[in-house]
Amino acid sequence: MLNFLEVFSGQHLNMINSKHSKPLSDVQLRVKALESILLEKGVVDQNTLDTIVDIYENRVGPHLGAKVVARAWTNPEFKNRLLSNGAATIAELGMGSILDVQLVVKENTPTVHNMIVCTLCSCYPWSVLGLPPNWYKSFPYRSRAVSDPRGVLMDFGLALPTDTEVCVWDSTANMRYMVLPLRPEGSENLSEDELAALVTRNAMIGTAVVSVS
């Protein structure tokens, strides 16, 4: 079932409000019906929906985390501060108002690979990564990420060298984690914006790596 934020995120609203060349899917119809009911009953108003859309399209999301990663790749002093105090350092980029919990950034290295999970529910650094994907909230991921992290990574198509240490970080209501991926080879001449465009949400969760291709 879609939760409230997922229903009214920019992704779902844009899906509903855009012009379609084919009939709406069952999920789209349910979302549209729920929106209509909430508006009709006065539970929410259009301005509220527009505000939520703006938040999840522009003010939070993985594009912000990607900017943080790109800055860390190009600015060693920024990276050192980021690893020491994630929330305070991210605030330097004008994102301080969206961070309401402690955020710890874990750096991937040639010998250590990090991934994040929330074994109890779905605590997640939504302020810099956007809404969590459905698989992040699923019981199989939450349980196997701890008991069989390499198997989970293989499910995502990521086969790490056997001598690479895999560290799993369990998020809580007051402590969130974000992965600083390894900078990919062949990216030495890319600008900060070009680097940010390479960074995916999954790479900042730790279920993928960043590549130039």
N, C-alpha and C. Protein backbone atom coordinates (compact mmCIF):
# COMPACT_ATOMS: atom_id res chain seq x y z
N MET A 1 0.85 -1.20 0.00
CA MET A 1 0.00 0.00 0.00
C MET A 1 0.89 1.25 0.00
N LEU A 2 0.53 2.25 -0.80
CA LEU A 2 1.29 3.48 -0.84
C LEU A 2 1.05 4.28 0.42
N ASN A 3 2.14 4.82 1.01
CA ASN A 3 1.92 5.67 2.17
C ASN A 3 1.60 7.09 1.72
N PHE A 4 1.23 7.95 2.68
CA PHE A 4 0.75 9.29 2.34
C PHE A 4 1.77 10.06 1.51
N LEU A 5 3.06 10.05 1.95
CA LEU A 5 4.07 10.83 1.25
C LEU A 5 4.31 10.27 -0.14
N GLU A 6 4.28 8.95 -0.29
CA GLU A 6 4.48 8.38 -1.61
C GLU A 6 3.34 8.78 -2.55
N VAL A 7 2.12 8.77 -2.02
CA VAL A 7 0.97 9.12 -2.84
C VAL A 7 1.09 10.53 -3.38
N PHE A 8 1.52 11.45 -2.51
CA PHE A 8 1.54 12.85 -2.91
C PHE A 8 2.93 13.37 -3.23
N SER A 9 3.88 12.49 -3.45
CA SER A 9 5.20 12.92 -3.90
C SER A 9 5.09 13.42 -5.33
N GLY A 10 6.09 14.17 -5.77
CA GLY A 10 6.07 14.67 -7.13
C GLY A 10 5.99 13.55 -8.15
N GLN A 11 6.60 12.41 -7.85
CA GLN A 11 6.58 11.30 -8.78
C GLN A 11 5.16 10.88 -9.11
N HIS A 12 4.33 10.68 -8.07
CA HIS A 12 2.98 10.20 -8.31
C HIS A 12 2.07 11.29 -8.85
N LEU A 13 2.24 12.52 -8.37
CA LEU A 13 1.38 13.58 -8.87
C LEU A 13 1.67 13.89 -10.32
N ASN A 14 2.95 13.90 -10.69
CA ASN A 14 3.28 14.14 -12.08
C ASN A 14 2.75 13.03 -12.96
N MET A 15 2.80 11.80 -12.44
CA MET A 15 2.28 10.66 -13.17
C MET A 15 0.80 10.83 -13.44
N ILE A 16 0.08 11.36 -12.45
CA ILE A 16 -1.37 11.51 -12.57
C ILE A 16 -1.73 12.71 -13.44
N ASN A 17 -1.07 13.83 -13.24
CA ASN A 17 -1.49 15.08 -13.87
C ASN A 17 -0.96 15.26 -15.29
N SER A 18 0.00 14.43 -15.69
CA SER A 18 0.54 14.57 -17.04
C SER A 18 -0.47 14.03 -18.05
N LYS A 19 -0.25 14.38 -19.31
CA LYS A 19 -1.12 13.88 -20.36
C LYS A 19 -0.72 12.45 -20.69
N HIS A 20 -1.68 11.56 -20.75
CA HIS A 20 -1.39 10.14 -20.96
C HIS A 20 -1.78 9.74 -22.37
N SER A 21 -0.97 8.88 -22.93
CA SER A 21 -1.29 8.32 -24.24
C SER A 21 -1.98 6.98 -24.09
N LYS A 22 -2.10 6.48 -22.87
CA LYS A 22 -2.78 5.21 -22.62
C LYS A 22 -3.56 5.33 -21.32
N PRO A 23 -4.51 4.43 -21.08
CA PRO A 23 -5.34 4.51 -19.87
C PRO A 23 -4.49 4.44 -18.60
N LEU A 24 -5.01 5.04 -17.52
CA LEU A 24 -4.31 5.01 -16.25
C LEU A 24 -4.26 3.58 -15.71
N SER A 25 -3.16 3.26 -15.03
CA SER A 25 -3.02 1.95 -14.41
C SER A 25 -3.89 1.89 -13.16
N ASP A 26 -4.02 0.69 -12.59
CA ASP A 26 -4.79 0.53 -11.35
C ASP A 26 -4.22 1.40 -10.24
N VAL A 27 -2.90 1.43 -10.11
CA VAL A 27 -2.27 2.24 -9.06
C VAL A 27 -2.56 3.72 -9.28
N GLN A 28 -2.44 4.18 -10.52
CA GLN A 28 -2.72 5.58 -10.83
C GLN A 28 -4.16 5.94 -10.52
N LEU A 29 -5.08 5.04 -10.85
CA LEU A 29 -6.50 5.29 -10.57
C LEU A 29 -6.75 5.37 -9.07
N ARG A 30 -6.12 4.49 -8.28
CA ARG A 30 -6.31 4.51 -6.83
C ARG A 30 -5.77 5.80 -6.23
N VAL A 31 -4.60 6.22 -6.72
CA VAL A 31 -4.01 7.46 -6.22
C VAL A 31 -4.90 8.65 -6.56
N LYS A 32 -5.38 8.68 -7.79
CA LYS A 32 -6.27 9.76 -8.22
C LYS A 32 -7.53 9.79 -7.37
N ALA A 33 -8.12 8.61 -7.10
CA ALA A 33 -9.33 8.53 -6.29
C ALA A 33 -9.07 9.00 -4.87
N LEU A 34 -7.94 8.59 -4.30
CA LEU A 34 -7.60 9.01 -2.93
C LEU A 34 -7.40 10.51 -2.87
N GLU A 35 -6.74 11.07 -3.87
CA GLU A 35 -6.55 12.52 -3.90
C GLU A 35 -7.89 13.23 -3.94
N SER A 36 -8.80 12.77 -4.79
CA SER A 36 -10.11 13.41 -4.93
C SER A 36 -10.89 13.36 -3.62
N ILE A 37 -10.85 12.20 -2.95
CA ILE A 37 -11.59 12.04 -1.69
C ILE A 37 -11.04 12.97 -0.62
N LEU A 38 -9.73 13.03 -0.49
CA LEU A 38 -9.12 13.87 0.54
C LEU A 38 -9.42 15.35 0.29
N LEU A 39 -9.41 15.74 -0.98
CA LEU A 39 -9.74 17.13 -1.31
C LEU A 39 -11.21 17.41 -1.02
N GLU A 40 -12.08 16.49 -1.41
CA GLU A 40 -13.52 16.67 -1.22
C GLU A 40 -13.88 16.74 0.26
N LYS A 41 -13.24 15.90 1.08
CA LYS A 41 -13.54 15.86 2.52
C LYS A 41 -12.86 16.98 3.29
N GLY A 42 -12.01 17.73 2.62
CA GLY A 42 -11.32 18.83 3.29
C GLY A 42 -10.18 18.39 4.18
N VAL A 43 -9.74 17.15 4.02
CA VAL A 43 -8.61 16.67 4.81
C VAL A 43 -7.33 17.40 4.41
N VAL A 44 -7.18 17.63 3.14
CA VAL A 44 -6.07 18.43 2.63
C VAL A 44 -6.62 19.39 1.60
N ASP A 45 -5.87 20.42 1.29
CA ASP A 45 -6.29 21.34 0.22
C ASP A 45 -5.22 21.36 -0.87
N GLN A 46 -5.54 22.00 -1.96
CA GLN A 46 -4.66 21.98 -3.11
C GLN A 46 -3.32 22.64 -2.81
N ASN A 47 -3.33 23.71 -2.00
CA ASN A 47 -2.08 24.36 -1.65
C ASN A 47 -1.16 23.42 -0.88
N THR A 48 -1.75 22.60 0.00
CA THR A 48 -0.96 21.62 0.74
C THR A 48 -0.32 20.62 -0.21
N LEU A 49 -1.11 20.13 -1.16
CA LEU A 49 -0.57 19.18 -2.13
C LEU A 49 0.54 19.81 -2.95
N ASP A 50 0.35 21.05 -3.37
CA ASP A 50 1.37 21.73 -4.16
C ASP A 50 2.66 21.90 -3.36
N THR A 51 2.51 22.17 -2.06
CA THR A 51 3.68 22.31 -1.21
C THR A 51 4.44 21.00 -1.09
N ILE A 52 3.69 19.91 -0.90
CA ILE A 52 4.33 18.59 -0.79
C ILE A 52 5.03 18.22 -2.08
N VAL A 53 4.39 18.51 -3.21
CA VAL A 53 5.02 18.25 -4.50
C VAL A 53 6.33 19.02 -4.62
N ASP A 54 6.31 20.29 -4.25
CA ASP A 54 7.52 21.11 -4.33
C ASP A 54 8.62 20.57 -3.44
N ILE A 55 8.25 20.11 -2.24
CA ILE A 55 9.26 19.56 -1.33
C ILE A 55 9.95 18.37 -1.95
N TYR A 56 9.16 17.41 -2.46
CA TYR A 56 9.74 16.17 -2.94
C TYR A 56 10.28 16.24 -4.36
N GLU A 57 9.99 17.33 -5.08
CA GLU A 57 10.58 17.51 -6.39
C GLU A 57 11.84 18.37 -6.34
N ASN A 58 11.87 19.33 -5.41
CA ASN A 58 12.94 20.32 -5.45
C ASN A 58 13.75 20.45 -4.17
N ARG A 59 13.12 20.29 -3.01
CA ARG A 59 13.81 20.61 -1.77
C ARG A 59 14.48 19.42 -1.11
N VAL A 60 14.03 18.21 -1.38
CA VAL A 60 14.68 17.01 -0.87
C VAL A 60 14.80 16.01 -2.01
N GLY A 61 15.67 15.02 -1.83
CA GLY A 61 15.78 13.99 -2.85
C GLY A 61 17.22 13.61 -3.14
N PRO A 62 17.42 12.56 -3.91
CA PRO A 62 18.77 12.07 -4.19
C PRO A 62 19.66 13.05 -4.94
N HIS A 63 19.05 14.01 -5.63
CA HIS A 63 19.88 15.00 -6.32
C HIS A 63 20.67 15.84 -5.31
N LEU A 64 20.13 16.00 -4.09
CA LEU A 64 20.86 16.73 -3.06
C LEU A 64 22.02 15.89 -2.53
N GLY A 65 21.75 14.62 -2.26
CA GLY A 65 22.82 13.74 -1.81
C GLY A 65 23.93 13.65 -2.85
N ALA A 66 23.55 13.63 -4.13
CA ALA A 66 24.55 13.56 -5.20
C ALA A 66 25.45 14.79 -5.19
N LYS A 67 24.88 15.95 -4.89
CA LYS A 67 25.69 17.17 -4.81
C LYS A 67 26.69 17.08 -3.66
N VAL A 68 26.24 16.49 -2.54
CA VAL A 68 27.13 16.32 -1.39
C VAL A 68 28.30 15.40 -1.76
N VAL A 69 27.98 14.30 -2.43
CA VAL A 69 29.02 13.35 -2.83
C VAL A 69 30.02 14.00 -3.78
N ALA A 70 29.51 14.71 -4.78
CA ALA A 70 30.39 15.35 -5.75
C ALA A 70 31.30 16.38 -5.09
N ARG A 71 30.77 17.14 -4.14
CA ARG A 71 31.60 18.11 -3.44
C ARG A 71 32.69 17.40 -2.63
N ALA A 72 32.33 16.30 -1.99
CA ALA A 72 33.32 15.54 -1.21
C ALA A 72 34.42 14.97 -2.11
N TRP A 73 34.05 14.55 -3.29
CA TRP A 73 35.04 14.00 -4.22
C TRP A 73 36.03 15.05 -4.70
N THR A 74 35.60 16.28 -4.76
CA THR A 74 36.43 17.34 -5.34
C THR A 74 37.06 18.26 -4.30
N ASN A 75 36.66 18.12 -3.05
CA ASN A 75 37.14 19.01 -1.99
C ASN A 75 37.50 18.19 -0.76
N PRO A 76 38.79 17.85 -0.60
CA PRO A 76 39.21 16.99 0.52
C PRO A 76 38.86 17.57 1.89
N GLU A 77 38.95 18.87 2.05
CA GLU A 77 38.61 19.46 3.35
C GLU A 77 37.12 19.29 3.65
N PHE A 78 36.29 19.50 2.63
CA PHE A 78 34.86 19.28 2.80
C PHE A 78 34.59 17.83 3.17
N LYS A 79 35.26 16.90 2.50
CA LYS A 79 35.05 15.48 2.78
C LYS A 79 35.42 15.15 4.22
N ASN A 80 36.52 15.67 4.70
CA ASN A 80 36.93 15.41 6.08
C ASN A 80 35.88 15.91 7.06
N ARG A 81 35.35 17.09 6.80
CA ARG A 81 34.32 17.63 7.68
C ARG A 81 33.04 16.80 7.59
N LEU A 82 32.73 16.36 6.37
CA LEU A 82 31.52 15.57 6.15
C LEU A 82 31.56 14.26 6.94
N LEU A 83 32.72 13.62 6.94
CA LEU A 83 32.85 12.35 7.66
C LEU A 83 32.88 12.55 9.16
N SER A 84 33.26 13.73 9.59
CA SER A 84 33.30 14.02 11.03
C SER A 84 31.95 14.47 11.57
N ASN A 85 31.23 15.26 10.77
CA ASN A 85 29.93 15.79 11.20
C ASN A 85 29.07 16.00 9.96
N GLY A 86 28.33 14.95 9.61
CA GLY A 86 27.57 14.97 8.35
C GLY A 86 26.56 16.09 8.26
N ALA A 87 25.70 16.22 9.28
CA ALA A 87 24.63 17.21 9.22
C ALA A 87 25.16 18.63 9.13
N ALA A 88 26.14 18.95 9.97
CA ALA A 88 26.69 20.31 10.00
C ALA A 88 27.36 20.65 8.68
N THR A 89 28.06 19.69 8.10
CA THR A 89 28.78 19.95 6.85
C THR A 89 27.82 20.08 5.68
N ILE A 90 26.80 19.25 5.65
CA ILE A 90 25.79 19.35 4.59
C ILE A 90 25.08 20.70 4.65
N ALA A 91 24.94 21.23 5.86
CA ALA A 91 24.31 22.55 6.03
C ALA A 91 25.10 23.64 5.31
N GLU A 92 26.40 23.41 5.10
CA GLU A 92 27.22 24.39 4.38
C GLU A 92 26.72 24.58 2.94
N LEU A 93 26.03 23.58 2.42
CA LEU A 93 25.52 23.66 1.05
C LEU A 93 24.09 24.20 1.01
N GLY A 94 23.65 24.75 2.14
CA GLY A 94 22.32 25.33 2.19
C GLY A 94 21.22 24.33 2.43
N MET A 95 21.58 23.14 2.93
CA MET A 95 20.58 22.09 3.16
C MET A 95 20.28 21.90 4.64
N GLY A 96 20.71 22.79 5.48
CA GLY A 96 20.56 22.60 6.91
C GLY A 96 19.14 22.51 7.38
N SER A 97 18.23 23.22 6.73
CA SER A 97 16.85 23.26 7.20
C SER A 97 16.10 21.95 7.00
N ILE A 98 16.65 21.04 6.17
CA ILE A 98 15.94 19.80 5.90
C ILE A 98 16.46 18.64 6.74
N LEU A 99 17.49 18.88 7.54
CA LEU A 99 18.08 17.82 8.34
C LEU A 99 17.57 17.93 9.77
N ASP A 100 16.72 16.99 10.18
CA ASP A 100 16.15 17.06 11.51
C ASP A 100 16.62 15.94 12.42
N VAL A 101 17.56 15.11 11.94
CA VAL A 101 18.14 14.06 12.75
C VAL A 101 19.65 14.02 12.48
N GLN A 102 20.35 13.27 13.30
CA GLN A 102 21.78 13.14 13.09
C GLN A 102 22.05 12.29 11.86
N LEU A 103 22.94 12.76 11.01
CA LEU A 103 23.28 12.04 9.78
C LEU A 103 24.75 11.70 9.80
N VAL A 104 25.06 10.42 9.67
CA VAL A 104 26.44 9.95 9.65
C VAL A 104 26.76 9.47 8.24
N VAL A 105 27.87 9.93 7.70
CA VAL A 105 28.29 9.55 6.36
C VAL A 105 29.44 8.55 6.45
N LYS A 106 29.29 7.41 5.79
CA LYS A 106 30.29 6.36 5.80
C LYS A 106 30.95 6.27 4.43
N GLU A 107 32.27 6.31 4.42
CA GLU A 107 33.01 6.36 3.16
C GLU A 107 33.40 4.97 2.67
N ASN A 108 33.07 4.69 1.41
CA ASN A 108 33.57 3.48 0.78
C ASN A 108 35.04 3.68 0.40
N THR A 109 35.81 2.64 0.53
CA THR A 109 37.22 2.66 0.16
C THR A 109 37.50 1.44 -0.71
N PRO A 110 38.71 1.32 -1.25
CA PRO A 110 39.01 0.12 -2.05
C PRO A 110 38.89 -1.18 -1.27
N THR A 111 38.92 -1.11 0.06
CA THR A 111 38.88 -2.33 0.86
C THR A 111 37.63 -2.45 1.74
N VAL A 112 36.80 -1.39 1.81
CA VAL A 112 35.61 -1.39 2.65
C VAL A 112 34.43 -0.90 1.84
N HIS A 113 33.33 -1.66 1.89
CA HIS A 113 32.09 -1.24 1.23
C HIS A 113 30.99 -1.15 2.28
N ASN A 114 30.30 -0.02 2.32
CA ASN A 114 29.24 0.22 3.30
C ASN A 114 27.87 0.14 2.65
N MET A 115 26.89 -0.31 3.43
CA MET A 115 25.50 -0.26 2.98
C MET A 115 24.63 0.04 4.20
N ILE A 116 23.47 0.63 3.95
CA ILE A 116 22.60 1.02 5.05
C ILE A 116 21.29 0.25 5.01
N VAL A 117 20.69 0.11 6.18
CA VAL A 117 19.43 -0.60 6.33
C VAL A 117 18.74 -0.05 7.56
N CYS A 118 17.47 -0.34 7.71
CA CYS A 118 16.76 -0.12 8.97
C CYS A 118 16.06 -1.42 9.28
N THR A 119 16.57 -2.16 10.24
CA THR A 119 16.04 -3.49 10.52
C THR A 119 14.69 -3.45 11.21
N LEU A 120 14.36 -2.35 11.89
CA LEU A 120 13.11 -2.27 12.63
C LEU A 120 11.94 -1.77 11.78
N CYS A 121 12.21 -0.79 10.93
CA CYS A 121 11.11 -0.26 10.10
C CYS A 121 11.69 0.23 8.78
N SER A 122 11.73 1.54 8.57
CA SER A 122 12.27 2.06 7.31
C SER A 122 12.91 3.42 7.51
N CYS A 123 13.57 3.62 8.66
CA CYS A 123 14.27 4.89 8.89
C CYS A 123 15.30 5.10 7.79
N TYR A 124 15.38 6.31 7.28
CA TYR A 124 16.07 6.55 6.01
C TYR A 124 16.39 8.03 5.90
N PRO A 125 17.53 8.39 5.33
CA PRO A 125 17.89 9.81 5.21
C PRO A 125 17.14 10.48 4.06
N TRP A 126 15.80 10.56 4.19
CA TRP A 126 14.98 11.06 3.10
C TRP A 126 15.34 12.48 2.70
N SER A 127 15.89 13.25 3.62
CA SER A 127 16.20 14.65 3.32
C SER A 127 17.25 14.79 2.23
N VAL A 128 18.15 13.81 2.12
CA VAL A 128 19.17 13.88 1.06
C VAL A 128 19.04 12.77 0.03
N LEU A 129 18.16 11.79 0.28
CA LEU A 129 17.98 10.71 -0.68
C LEU A 129 16.56 10.60 -1.21
N GLY A 130 15.65 11.41 -0.70
CA GLY A 130 14.27 11.34 -1.16
C GLY A 130 13.52 10.21 -0.49
N LEU A 131 12.38 9.85 -1.05
CA LEU A 131 11.58 8.77 -0.48
C LEU A 131 12.29 7.44 -0.64
N PRO A 132 12.22 6.58 0.38
CA PRO A 132 12.90 5.28 0.27
C PRO A 132 12.22 4.40 -0.77
N PRO A 133 13.01 3.63 -1.51
CA PRO A 133 12.41 2.69 -2.47
C PRO A 133 11.66 1.59 -1.72
N ASN A 134 10.72 0.96 -2.38
CA ASN A 134 9.91 -0.07 -1.73
C ASN A 134 10.77 -1.22 -1.22
N TRP A 135 11.80 -1.59 -1.96
CA TRP A 135 12.62 -2.73 -1.52
C TRP A 135 13.35 -2.42 -0.22
N TYR A 136 13.68 -1.14 0.03
CA TYR A 136 14.38 -0.79 1.27
C TYR A 136 13.49 -1.07 2.48
N LYS A 137 12.17 -0.93 2.31
CA LYS A 137 11.23 -1.14 3.40
C LYS A 137 10.80 -2.59 3.54
N SER A 138 11.15 -3.43 2.58
CA SER A 138 10.68 -4.81 2.58
C SER A 138 11.40 -5.64 3.65
N PHE A 139 10.68 -6.63 4.18
CA PHE A 139 11.27 -7.50 5.19
C PHE A 139 12.47 -8.28 4.66
N PRO A 140 12.43 -8.83 3.44
CA PRO A 140 13.60 -9.56 2.94
C PRO A 140 14.88 -8.72 2.95
N TYR A 141 14.78 -7.45 2.50
CA TYR A 141 15.98 -6.61 2.52
C TYR A 141 16.42 -6.31 3.94
N ARG A 142 15.48 -5.97 4.80
CA ARG A 142 15.81 -5.58 6.17
C ARG A 142 16.46 -6.71 6.94
N SER A 143 16.07 -7.93 6.66
CA SER A 143 16.65 -9.07 7.38
C SER A 143 17.93 -9.57 6.72
N ARG A 144 17.92 -9.69 5.42
CA ARG A 144 19.09 -10.26 4.73
C ARG A 144 20.25 -9.29 4.64
N ALA A 145 19.98 -7.99 4.69
CA ALA A 145 21.08 -7.03 4.64
C ALA A 145 22.03 -7.23 5.80
N VAL A 146 21.51 -7.70 6.92
CA VAL A 146 22.34 -7.96 8.10
C VAL A 146 22.92 -9.37 8.08
N SER A 147 22.10 -10.36 7.73
CA SER A 147 22.55 -11.75 7.80
C SER A 147 23.34 -12.20 6.58
N ASP A 148 23.05 -11.61 5.42
CA ASP A 148 23.71 -12.02 4.18
C ASP A 148 23.92 -10.81 3.27
N PRO A 149 24.73 -9.84 3.70
CA PRO A 149 24.88 -8.62 2.89
C PRO A 149 25.45 -8.87 1.50
N ARG A 150 26.38 -9.79 1.39
CA ARG A 150 26.95 -10.07 0.07
C ARG A 150 25.89 -10.68 -0.86
N GLY A 151 25.03 -11.52 -0.30
CA GLY A 151 23.97 -12.08 -1.11
C GLY A 151 23.01 -11.01 -1.60
N VAL A 152 22.69 -10.04 -0.74
CA VAL A 152 21.83 -8.93 -1.13
C VAL A 152 22.48 -8.12 -2.24
N LEU A 153 23.77 -7.84 -2.08
CA LEU A 153 24.46 -7.07 -3.11
C LEU A 153 24.49 -7.83 -4.44
N MET A 154 24.63 -9.13 -4.37
CA MET A 154 24.59 -9.93 -5.59
C MET A 154 23.22 -9.82 -6.26
N ASP A 155 22.17 -9.76 -5.44
CA ASP A 155 20.82 -9.59 -6.01
C ASP A 155 20.70 -8.29 -6.78
N PHE A 156 21.48 -7.29 -6.38
CA PHE A 156 21.48 -6.00 -7.07
C PHE A 156 22.50 -5.97 -8.21
N GLY A 157 23.15 -7.11 -8.44
CA GLY A 157 24.14 -7.19 -9.52
C GLY A 157 25.51 -6.68 -9.14
N LEU A 158 25.76 -6.55 -7.84
CA LEU A 158 27.04 -6.03 -7.37
C LEU A 158 27.85 -7.14 -6.72
N ALA A 159 28.89 -7.59 -7.40
CA ALA A 159 29.78 -8.63 -6.89
C ALA A 159 31.09 -7.98 -6.43
N LEU A 160 31.31 -7.97 -5.13
CA LEU A 160 32.52 -7.36 -4.58
C LEU A 160 33.64 -8.38 -4.48
N PRO A 161 34.89 -7.92 -4.54
CA PRO A 161 36.01 -8.84 -4.32
C PRO A 161 35.89 -9.51 -2.95
N THR A 162 36.36 -10.73 -2.86
CA THR A 162 36.22 -11.49 -1.61
C THR A 162 36.96 -10.84 -0.45
N ASP A 163 38.00 -10.06 -0.74
CA ASP A 163 38.76 -9.43 0.35
C ASP A 163 38.21 -8.05 0.73
N THR A 164 37.10 -7.64 0.13
CA THR A 164 36.46 -6.38 0.50
C THR A 164 35.58 -6.58 1.72
N GLU A 165 35.78 -5.80 2.74
CA GLU A 165 34.96 -5.88 3.94
C GLU A 165 33.63 -5.18 3.69
N VAL A 166 32.53 -5.83 4.06
CA VAL A 166 31.21 -5.23 3.91
C VAL A 166 30.70 -4.83 5.30
N CYS A 167 30.43 -3.54 5.48
CA CYS A 167 29.93 -3.02 6.75
C CYS A 167 28.48 -2.57 6.57
N VAL A 168 27.59 -3.07 7.43
CA VAL A 168 26.18 -2.73 7.36
C VAL A 168 25.83 -1.83 8.53
N TRP A 169 25.17 -0.70 8.24
CA TRP A 169 24.83 0.29 9.26
C TRP A 169 23.32 0.36 9.42
N ASP A 170 22.86 0.15 10.64
CA ASP A 170 21.44 0.06 10.95
C ASP A 170 20.91 1.42 11.41
N SER A 171 20.05 2.02 10.61
CA SER A 171 19.50 3.34 10.93
C SER A 171 18.48 3.25 12.07
N THR A 172 18.30 4.35 12.75
CA THR A 172 17.29 4.44 13.81
C THR A 172 16.51 5.73 13.62
N ALA A 173 15.53 5.96 14.50
CA ALA A 173 14.72 7.17 14.41
C ALA A 173 15.56 8.43 14.60
N ASN A 174 16.66 8.33 15.32
CA ASN A 174 17.49 9.50 15.62
C ASN A 174 18.82 9.49 14.90
N MET A 175 19.14 8.42 14.22
CA MET A 175 20.44 8.30 13.55
C MET A 175 20.23 7.73 12.16
N ARG A 176 20.59 8.50 11.16
CA ARG A 176 20.50 8.04 9.78
C ARG A 176 21.89 7.96 9.18
N TYR A 177 22.03 7.11 8.17
CA TYR A 177 23.32 6.93 7.51
C TYR A 177 23.20 7.19 6.02
N MET A 178 24.33 7.60 5.46
CA MET A 178 24.44 7.79 4.02
C MET A 178 25.82 7.32 3.61
N VAL A 179 25.91 6.68 2.45
CA VAL A 179 27.19 6.16 1.97
C VAL A 179 27.84 7.18 1.03
N LEU A 180 29.13 7.41 1.24
CA LEU A 180 29.93 8.20 0.31
C LEU A 180 30.61 7.20 -0.62
N PRO A 181 30.12 7.05 -1.85
CA PRO A 181 30.68 6.03 -2.76
C PRO A 181 32.10 6.38 -3.19
N LEU A 182 32.78 5.36 -3.69
CA LEU A 182 34.09 5.60 -4.30
C LEU A 182 33.93 6.40 -5.58
N ARG A 183 34.84 7.34 -5.77
CA ARG A 183 34.83 8.08 -7.04
C ARG A 183 35.29 7.14 -8.14
N PRO A 184 34.55 7.07 -9.24
CA PRO A 184 34.89 6.10 -10.29
C PRO A 184 36.13 6.50 -11.08
N GLU A 185 36.85 5.51 -11.54
CA GLU A 185 37.99 5.77 -12.42
C GLU A 185 37.49 6.38 -13.73
N GLY A 186 38.30 7.27 -14.28
CA GLY A 186 37.93 7.93 -15.52
C GLY A 186 37.12 9.19 -15.34
N SER A 187 36.94 9.62 -14.08
CA SER A 187 36.13 10.82 -13.82
C SER A 187 36.99 12.02 -13.44
N GLU A 188 38.29 11.90 -13.62
CA GLU A 188 39.20 12.94 -13.14
C GLU A 188 38.96 14.30 -13.78
N ASN A 189 38.50 14.33 -15.01
CA ASN A 189 38.33 15.60 -15.72
C ASN A 189 36.89 16.12 -15.70
N LEU A 190 36.03 15.46 -14.95
CA LEU A 190 34.64 15.89 -14.89
C LEU A 190 34.45 17.01 -13.88
N SER A 191 33.51 17.90 -14.18
CA SER A 191 33.18 18.98 -13.26
C SER A 191 32.36 18.43 -12.10
N GLU A 192 32.15 19.27 -11.09
CA GLU A 192 31.36 18.85 -9.94
C GLU A 192 29.93 18.50 -10.35
N ASP A 193 29.35 19.30 -11.24
CA ASP A 193 27.99 19.01 -11.71
C ASP A 193 27.95 17.71 -12.50
N GLU A 194 28.96 17.48 -13.30
CA GLU A 194 29.01 16.23 -14.08
C GLU A 194 29.18 15.02 -13.17
N LEU A 195 29.96 15.18 -12.12
CA LEU A 195 30.12 14.10 -11.15
C LEU A 195 28.81 13.80 -10.44
N ALA A 196 28.11 14.85 -10.04
CA ALA A 196 26.84 14.67 -9.34
C ALA A 196 25.84 13.90 -10.20
N ALA A 197 25.90 14.12 -11.51
CA ALA A 197 24.97 13.44 -12.41
C ALA A 197 25.22 11.94 -12.47
N LEU A 198 26.40 11.50 -12.06
CA LEU A 198 26.73 10.08 -12.07
C LEU A 198 26.22 9.34 -10.84
N VAL A 199 25.97 10.08 -9.76
CA VAL A 199 25.68 9.47 -8.46
C VAL A 199 24.22 9.07 -8.39
N THR A 200 23.98 7.80 -8.07
CA THR A 200 22.61 7.30 -7.96
C THR A 200 22.20 7.14 -6.50
N ARG A 201 20.91 7.09 -6.28
CA ARG A 201 20.38 6.84 -4.94
C ARG A 201 20.93 5.54 -4.36
N ASN A 202 20.92 4.47 -5.19
CA ASN A 202 21.37 3.18 -4.68
C ASN A 202 22.84 3.20 -4.28
N ALA A 203 23.65 4.00 -4.98
CA ALA A 203 25.06 4.10 -4.60
C ALA A 203 25.22 4.74 -3.23
N MET A 204 24.29 5.64 -2.87
CA MET A 204 24.36 6.29 -1.56
C MET A 204 23.71 5.45 -0.47
N ILE A 205 22.97 4.40 -0.88
CA ILE A 205 22.48 3.41 0.08
C ILE A 205 23.53 2.32 0.26
N GLY A 206 24.28 2.08 -0.81
CA GLY A 206 25.34 1.08 -0.77
C GLY A 206 25.03 -0.18 -1.53
N THR A 207 23.94 -0.19 -2.31
CA THR A 207 23.59 -1.36 -3.09
C THR A 207 24.06 -1.25 -4.53
N ALA A 208 24.86 -0.23 -4.81
CA ALA A 208 25.41 -0.04 -6.14
C ALA A 208 26.71 0.76 -6.00
N VAL A 209 27.47 0.80 -7.07
CA VAL A 209 28.66 1.64 -7.12
C VAL A 209 28.47 2.64 -8.26
N VAL A 210 29.30 3.66 -8.27
CA VAL A 210 29.20 4.70 -9.29
C VAL A 210 30.18 4.37 -10.42
N SER A 211 29.72 4.52 -11.63
CA SER A 211 30.59 4.30 -12.79
C SER A 211 30.41 5.43 -13.78
N VAL A 212 31.39 5.62 -14.62
CA VAL A 212 31.34 6.68 -15.63
C VAL A 212 30.43 6.29 -16.78
N SER A 213 30.43 5.02 -17.13
CA SER A 213 29.63 4.56 -18.27
C SER A 213 28.16 4.45 -17.89
